[in-house]
Amino acid sequence: MDMYRESYERYCNACQEYGLESKDFYFFINHLTEEQLNAYKEYSKRRNDQND
């Protein structure tokens, strides 16, 4: 669940940077596509491998 929270934080930061209103966490998670979820899991895995 931590990776979803981290992803949501990045989303909120990007929205703030562009002057957009962010959606709540529940909406954010429920509207991610399978492709987005898989891409973030792969990114997270590579990042963890680099830190080991």
PDB file of N, CA and C in Angstrom:
ATOM      1  N   MET A   1       0.822  -1.190   0.000  1.00  0.00           N
ATOM      2  CA  MET A   1       0.000   0.000   0.000  1.00  0.00           C
ATOM      3  C   MET A   1       0.869   1.259   0.000  1.00  0.00           C
ATOM      4  N   ASP A   2       2.069   1.140   0.509  1.00  0.00           N
ATOM      5  CA  ASP A   2       2.966   2.296   0.543  1.00  0.00           C
ATOM      6  C   ASP A   2       3.233   2.851  -0.850  1.00  0.00           C
ATOM      7  N   MET A   3       3.374   1.960  -1.837  1.00  0.00           N
ATOM      8  CA  MET A   3       3.674   2.456  -3.181  1.00  0.00           C
ATOM      9  C   MET A   3       2.504   3.246  -3.746  1.00  0.00           C
ATOM     10  N   TYR A   4       1.276   2.893  -3.374  1.00  0.00           N
ATOM     11  CA  TYR A   4       0.118   3.650  -3.839  1.00  0.00           C
ATOM     12  C   TYR A   4       0.066   5.020  -3.167  1.00  0.00           C
ATOM     13  N   ARG A   5       0.415   5.056  -1.905  1.00  0.00           N
ATOM     14  CA  ARG A   5       0.466   6.347  -1.192  1.00  0.00           C
ATOM     15  C   ARG A   5       1.544   7.246  -1.801  1.00  0.00           C
ATOM     16  N   GLU A   6       2.691   6.660  -2.094  1.00  0.00           N
ATOM     17  CA  GLU A   6       3.777   7.426  -2.703  1.00  0.00           C
ATOM     18  C   GLU A   6       3.348   7.943  -4.078  1.00  0.00           C
ATOM     19  N   SER A   7       2.690   7.100  -4.838  1.00  0.00           N
ATOM     20  CA  SER A   7       2.197   7.499  -6.151  1.00  0.00           C
ATOM     21  C   SER A   7       1.179   8.626  -6.027  1.00  0.00           C
ATOM     22  N   TYR A   8       0.299   8.530  -5.039  1.00  0.00           N
ATOM     23  CA  TYR A   8      -0.701   9.567  -4.814  1.00  0.00           C
ATOM     24  C   TYR A   8      -0.040  10.887  -4.423  1.00  0.00           C
ATOM     25  N   GLU A   9       0.982  10.828  -3.614  1.00  0.00           N
ATOM     26  CA  GLU A   9       1.705  12.036  -3.230  1.00  0.00           C
ATOM     27  C   GLU A   9       2.346  12.702  -4.444  1.00  0.00           C
ATOM     28  N   ARG A  10       2.914  11.889  -5.332  1.00  0.00           N
ATOM     29  CA  ARG A  10       3.510  12.435  -6.559  1.00  0.00           C
ATOM     30  C   ARG A  10       2.432  13.085  -7.423  1.00  0.00           C
ATOM     31  N   TYR A  11       1.280  12.443  -7.510  1.00  0.00           N
ATOM     32  CA  TYR A  11       0.151  12.988  -8.258  1.00  0.00           C
ATOM     33  C   TYR A  11      -0.279  14.334  -7.677  1.00  0.00           C
ATOM     34  N   CYS A  12      -0.413  14.410  -6.355  1.00  0.00           N
ATOM     35  CA  CYS A  12      -0.820  15.657  -5.694  1.00  0.00           C
ATOM     36  C   CYS A  12       0.202  16.762  -5.943  1.00  0.00           C
ATOM     37  N   ASN A  13       1.478  16.424  -5.872  1.00  0.00           N
ATOM     38  CA  ASN A  13       2.530  17.408  -6.134  1.00  0.00           C
ATOM     39  C   ASN A  13       2.462  17.923  -7.569  1.00  0.00           C
ATOM     40  N   ALA A  14       2.225  17.011  -8.516  1.00  0.00           N
ATOM     41  CA  ALA A  14       2.118  17.415  -9.918  1.00  0.00           C
ATOM     42  C   ALA A  14       0.899  18.311 -10.123  1.00  0.00           C
ATOM     43  N   CYS A  15      -0.209  17.972  -9.508  1.00  0.00           N
ATOM     44  CA  CYS A  15      -1.401  18.814  -9.618  1.00  0.00           C
ATOM     45  C   CYS A  15      -1.133  20.203  -9.068  1.00  0.00           C
ATOM     46  N   GLN A  16      -0.503  20.261  -7.925  1.00  0.00           N
ATOM     47  CA  GLN A  16      -0.188  21.543  -7.302  1.00  0.00           C
ATOM     48  C   GLN A  16       0.743  22.362  -8.195  1.00  0.00           C
ATOM     49  N   GLU A  17       1.721  21.698  -8.775  1.00  0.00           N
ATOM     50  CA  GLU A  17       2.687  22.367  -9.645  1.00  0.00           C
ATOM     51  C   GLU A  17       2.009  23.006 -10.856  1.00  0.00           C
ATOM     52  N   TYR A  18       0.965  22.335 -11.373  1.00  0.00           N
ATOM     53  CA  TYR A  18       0.266  22.837 -12.555  1.00  0.00           C
ATOM     54  C   TYR A  18      -1.006  23.601 -12.216  1.00  0.00           C
ATOM     55  N   GLY A  19      -1.234  23.846 -10.938  1.00  0.00           N
ATOM     56  CA  GLY A  19      -2.396  24.623 -10.534  1.00  0.00           C
ATOM     57  C   GLY A  19      -3.719  23.895 -10.686  1.00  0.00           C
ATOM     58  N   LEU A  20      -3.685  22.568 -10.587  1.00  0.00           N
ATOM     59  CA  LEU A  20      -4.891  21.761 -10.716  1.00  0.00           C
ATOM     60  C   LEU A  20      -5.346  21.250  -9.365  1.00  0.00           C
ATOM     61  N   GLU A  21      -6.625  20.997  -9.253  1.00  0.00           N
ATOM     62  CA  GLU A  21      -7.155  20.416  -8.021  1.00  0.00           C
ATOM     63  C   GLU A  21      -7.011  18.897  -8.096  1.00  0.00           C
ATOM     64  N   SER A  22      -6.444  18.310  -7.068  1.00  0.00           N
ATOM     65  CA  SER A  22      -6.275  16.856  -7.064  1.00  0.00           C
ATOM     66  C   SER A  22      -7.533  16.178  -6.534  1.00  0.00           C
ATOM     67  N   LYS A  23      -7.742  14.962  -6.980  1.00  0.00           N
ATOM     68  CA  LYS A  23      -8.857  14.145  -6.497  1.00  0.00           C
ATOM     69  C   LYS A  23      -8.431  13.464  -5.197  1.00  0.00           C
ATOM     70  N   ASP A  24      -9.390  12.931  -4.467  1.00  0.00           N
ATOM     71  CA  ASP A  24      -9.032  12.243  -3.229  1.00  0.00           C
ATOM     72  C   ASP A  24      -8.401  10.881  -3.532  1.00  0.00           C
ATOM     73  N   PHE A  25      -7.777  10.308  -2.528  1.00  0.00           N
ATOM     74  CA  PHE A  25      -7.029   9.060  -2.688  1.00  0.00           C
ATOM     75  C   PHE A  25      -7.907   7.940  -3.238  1.00  0.00           C
ATOM     76  N   TYR A  26      -9.107   7.796  -2.702  1.00  0.00           N
ATOM     77  CA  TYR A  26     -10.014   6.734  -3.145  1.00  0.00           C
ATOM     78  C   TYR A  26     -10.309   6.863  -4.639  1.00  0.00           C
ATOM     79  N   PHE A  27     -10.630   8.053  -5.094  1.00  0.00           N
ATOM     80  CA  PHE A  27     -10.908   8.286  -6.509  1.00  0.00           C
ATOM     81  C   PHE A  27      -9.667   7.982  -7.342  1.00  0.00           C
ATOM     82  N   PHE A  28      -8.524   8.473  -6.880  1.00  0.00           N
ATOM     83  CA  PHE A  28      -7.258   8.272  -7.590  1.00  0.00           C
ATOM     84  C   PHE A  28      -6.978   6.787  -7.815  1.00  0.00           C
ATOM     85  N   ILE A  29      -7.061   6.000  -6.756  1.00  0.00           N
ATOM     86  CA  ILE A  29      -6.763   4.566  -6.848  1.00  0.00           C
ATOM     87  C   ILE A  29      -7.767   3.828  -7.726  1.00  0.00           C
ATOM     88  N   ASN A  30      -9.027   4.156  -7.592  1.00  0.00           N
ATOM     89  CA  ASN A  30     -10.066   3.454  -8.350  1.00  0.00           C
ATOM     90  C   ASN A  30     -10.092   3.801  -9.826  1.00  0.00           C
ATOM     91  N   HIS A  31      -9.397   4.848 -10.229  1.00  0.00           N
ATOM     92  CA  HIS A  31      -9.399   5.235 -11.635  1.00  0.00           C
ATOM     93  C   HIS A  31      -8.051   5.029 -12.328  1.00  0.00           C
ATOM     94  N   LEU A  32      -7.145   4.345 -11.659  1.00  0.00           N
ATOM     95  CA  LEU A  32      -5.893   3.974 -12.322  1.00  0.00           C
ATOM     96  C   LEU A  32      -6.176   2.829 -13.293  1.00  0.00           C
ATOM     97  N   THR A  33      -5.516   2.863 -14.428  1.00  0.00           N
ATOM     98  CA  THR A  33      -5.670   1.765 -15.381  1.00  0.00           C
ATOM     99  C   THR A  33      -4.707   0.635 -15.006  1.00  0.00           C
ATOM    100  N   GLU A  34      -4.954  -0.511 -15.533  1.00  0.00           N
ATOM    101  CA  GLU A  34      -4.062  -1.657 -15.316  1.00  0.00           C
ATOM    102  C   GLU A  34      -2.652  -1.322 -15.806  1.00  0.00           C
ATOM    103  N   GLU A  35      -2.571  -0.635 -16.934  1.00  0.00           N
ATOM    104  CA  GLU A  35      -1.273  -0.245 -17.487  1.00  0.00           C
ATOM    105  C   GLU A  35      -0.535   0.701 -16.528  1.00  0.00           C
ATOM    106  N   GLN A  36      -1.241   1.653 -15.940  1.00  0.00           N
ATOM    107  CA  GLN A  36      -0.619   2.568 -14.989  1.00  0.00           C
ATOM    108  C   GLN A  36      -0.140   1.824 -13.743  1.00  0.00           C
ATOM    109  N   LEU A  37      -0.957   0.915 -13.252  1.00  0.00           N
ATOM    110  CA  LEU A  37      -0.568   0.132 -12.072  1.00  0.00           C
ATOM    111  C   LEU A  37       0.674  -0.703 -12.356  1.00  0.00           C
ATOM    112  N   ASN A  38       0.693  -1.371 -13.499  1.00  0.00           N
ATOM    113  CA  ASN A  38       1.842  -2.205 -13.855  1.00  0.00           C
ATOM    114  C   ASN A  38       3.107  -1.368 -14.045  1.00  0.00           C
ATOM    115  N   ALA A  39       2.965  -0.213 -14.674  1.00  0.00           N
ATOM    116  CA  ALA A  39       4.127   0.658 -14.888  1.00  0.00           C
ATOM    117  C   ALA A  39       4.688   1.137 -13.555  1.00  0.00           C
ATOM    118  N   TYR A  40       3.825   1.497 -12.640  1.00  0.00           N
ATOM    119  CA  TYR A  40       4.312   1.977 -11.349  1.00  0.00           C
ATOM    120  C   TYR A  40       4.945   0.845 -10.541  1.00  0.00           C
ATOM    121  N   LYS A  41       4.376  -0.351 -10.610  1.00  0.00           N
ATOM    122  CA  LYS A  41       4.973  -1.496  -9.914  1.00  0.00           C
ATOM    123  C   LYS A  41       6.380  -1.777 -10.455  1.00  0.00           C
ATOM    124  N   GLU A  42       6.522  -1.696 -11.778  1.00  0.00           N
ATOM    125  CA  GLU A  42       7.826  -1.943 -12.396  1.00  0.00           C
ATOM    126  C   GLU A  42       8.827  -0.857 -11.991  1.00  0.00           C
ATOM    127  N   TYR A  43       8.393   0.383 -11.998  1.00  0.00           N
ATOM    128  CA  TYR A  43       9.247   1.494 -11.566  1.00  0.00           C
ATOM    129  C   TYR A  43       9.691   1.292 -10.121  1.00  0.00           C
ATOM    130  N   SER A  44       8.747   0.942  -9.276  1.00  0.00           N
ATOM    131  CA  SER A  44       9.024   0.758  -7.861  1.00  0.00           C
ATOM    132  C   SER A  44      10.011  -0.389  -7.642  1.00  0.00           C
ATOM    133  N   LYS A  45       9.837  -1.448  -8.390  1.00  0.00           N
ATOM    134  CA  LYS A  45      10.731  -2.606  -8.280  1.00  0.00           C
ATOM    135  C   LYS A  45      12.159  -2.235  -8.691  1.00  0.00           C
ATOM    136  N   ARG A  46      12.300  -1.511  -9.810  1.00  0.00           N
ATOM    137  CA  ARG A  46      13.636  -1.087 -10.250  1.00  0.00           C
ATOM    138  C   ARG A  46      14.285  -0.171  -9.225  1.00  0.00           C
ATOM    139  N   ARG A  47      13.490   0.709  -8.658  1.00  0.00           N
ATOM    140  CA  ARG A  47      14.011   1.651  -7.651  1.00  0.00           C
ATOM    141  C   ARG A  47      14.497   0.901  -6.412  1.00  0.00           C
ATOM    142  N   ASN A  48      13.729  -0.076  -5.969  1.00  0.00           N
ATOM    143  CA  ASN A  48      14.128  -0.873  -4.813  1.00  0.00           C
ATOM    144  C   ASN A  48      15.380  -1.697  -5.096  1.00  0.00           C
ATOM    145  N   ASP A  49      15.482  -2.226  -6.318  1.00  0.00           N
ATOM    146  CA  ASP A  49      16.661  -3.005  -6.688  1.00  0.00           C
ATOM    147  C   ASP A  49      17.922  -2.136  -6.681  1.00  0.00           C
ATOM    148  N   GLN A  50      17.792  -0.887  -7.094  1.00  0.00           N
ATOM    149  CA  GLN A  50      18.936   0.022  -7.102  1.00  0.00           C
ATOM    150  C   GLN A  50      19.380   0.383  -5.687  1.00  0.00           C
ATOM    151  N   ASN A  51      18.444   0.421  -4.754  1.00  0.00           N
ATOM    152  CA  ASN A  51      18.761   0.779  -3.377  1.00  0.00           C
ATOM    153  C   ASN A  51      19.359  -0.378  -2.573  1.00  0.00           C
ATOM    154  N   ASP A  52      19.253  -1.583  -3.086  1.00  0.00           N
ATOM    155  CA  ASP A  52      19.790  -2.760  -2.358  1.00  0.00           C
ATOM    156  C   ASP A  52      21.256  -2.946  -2.567  1.00  0.00           C
TER     157      ASP A  52
END
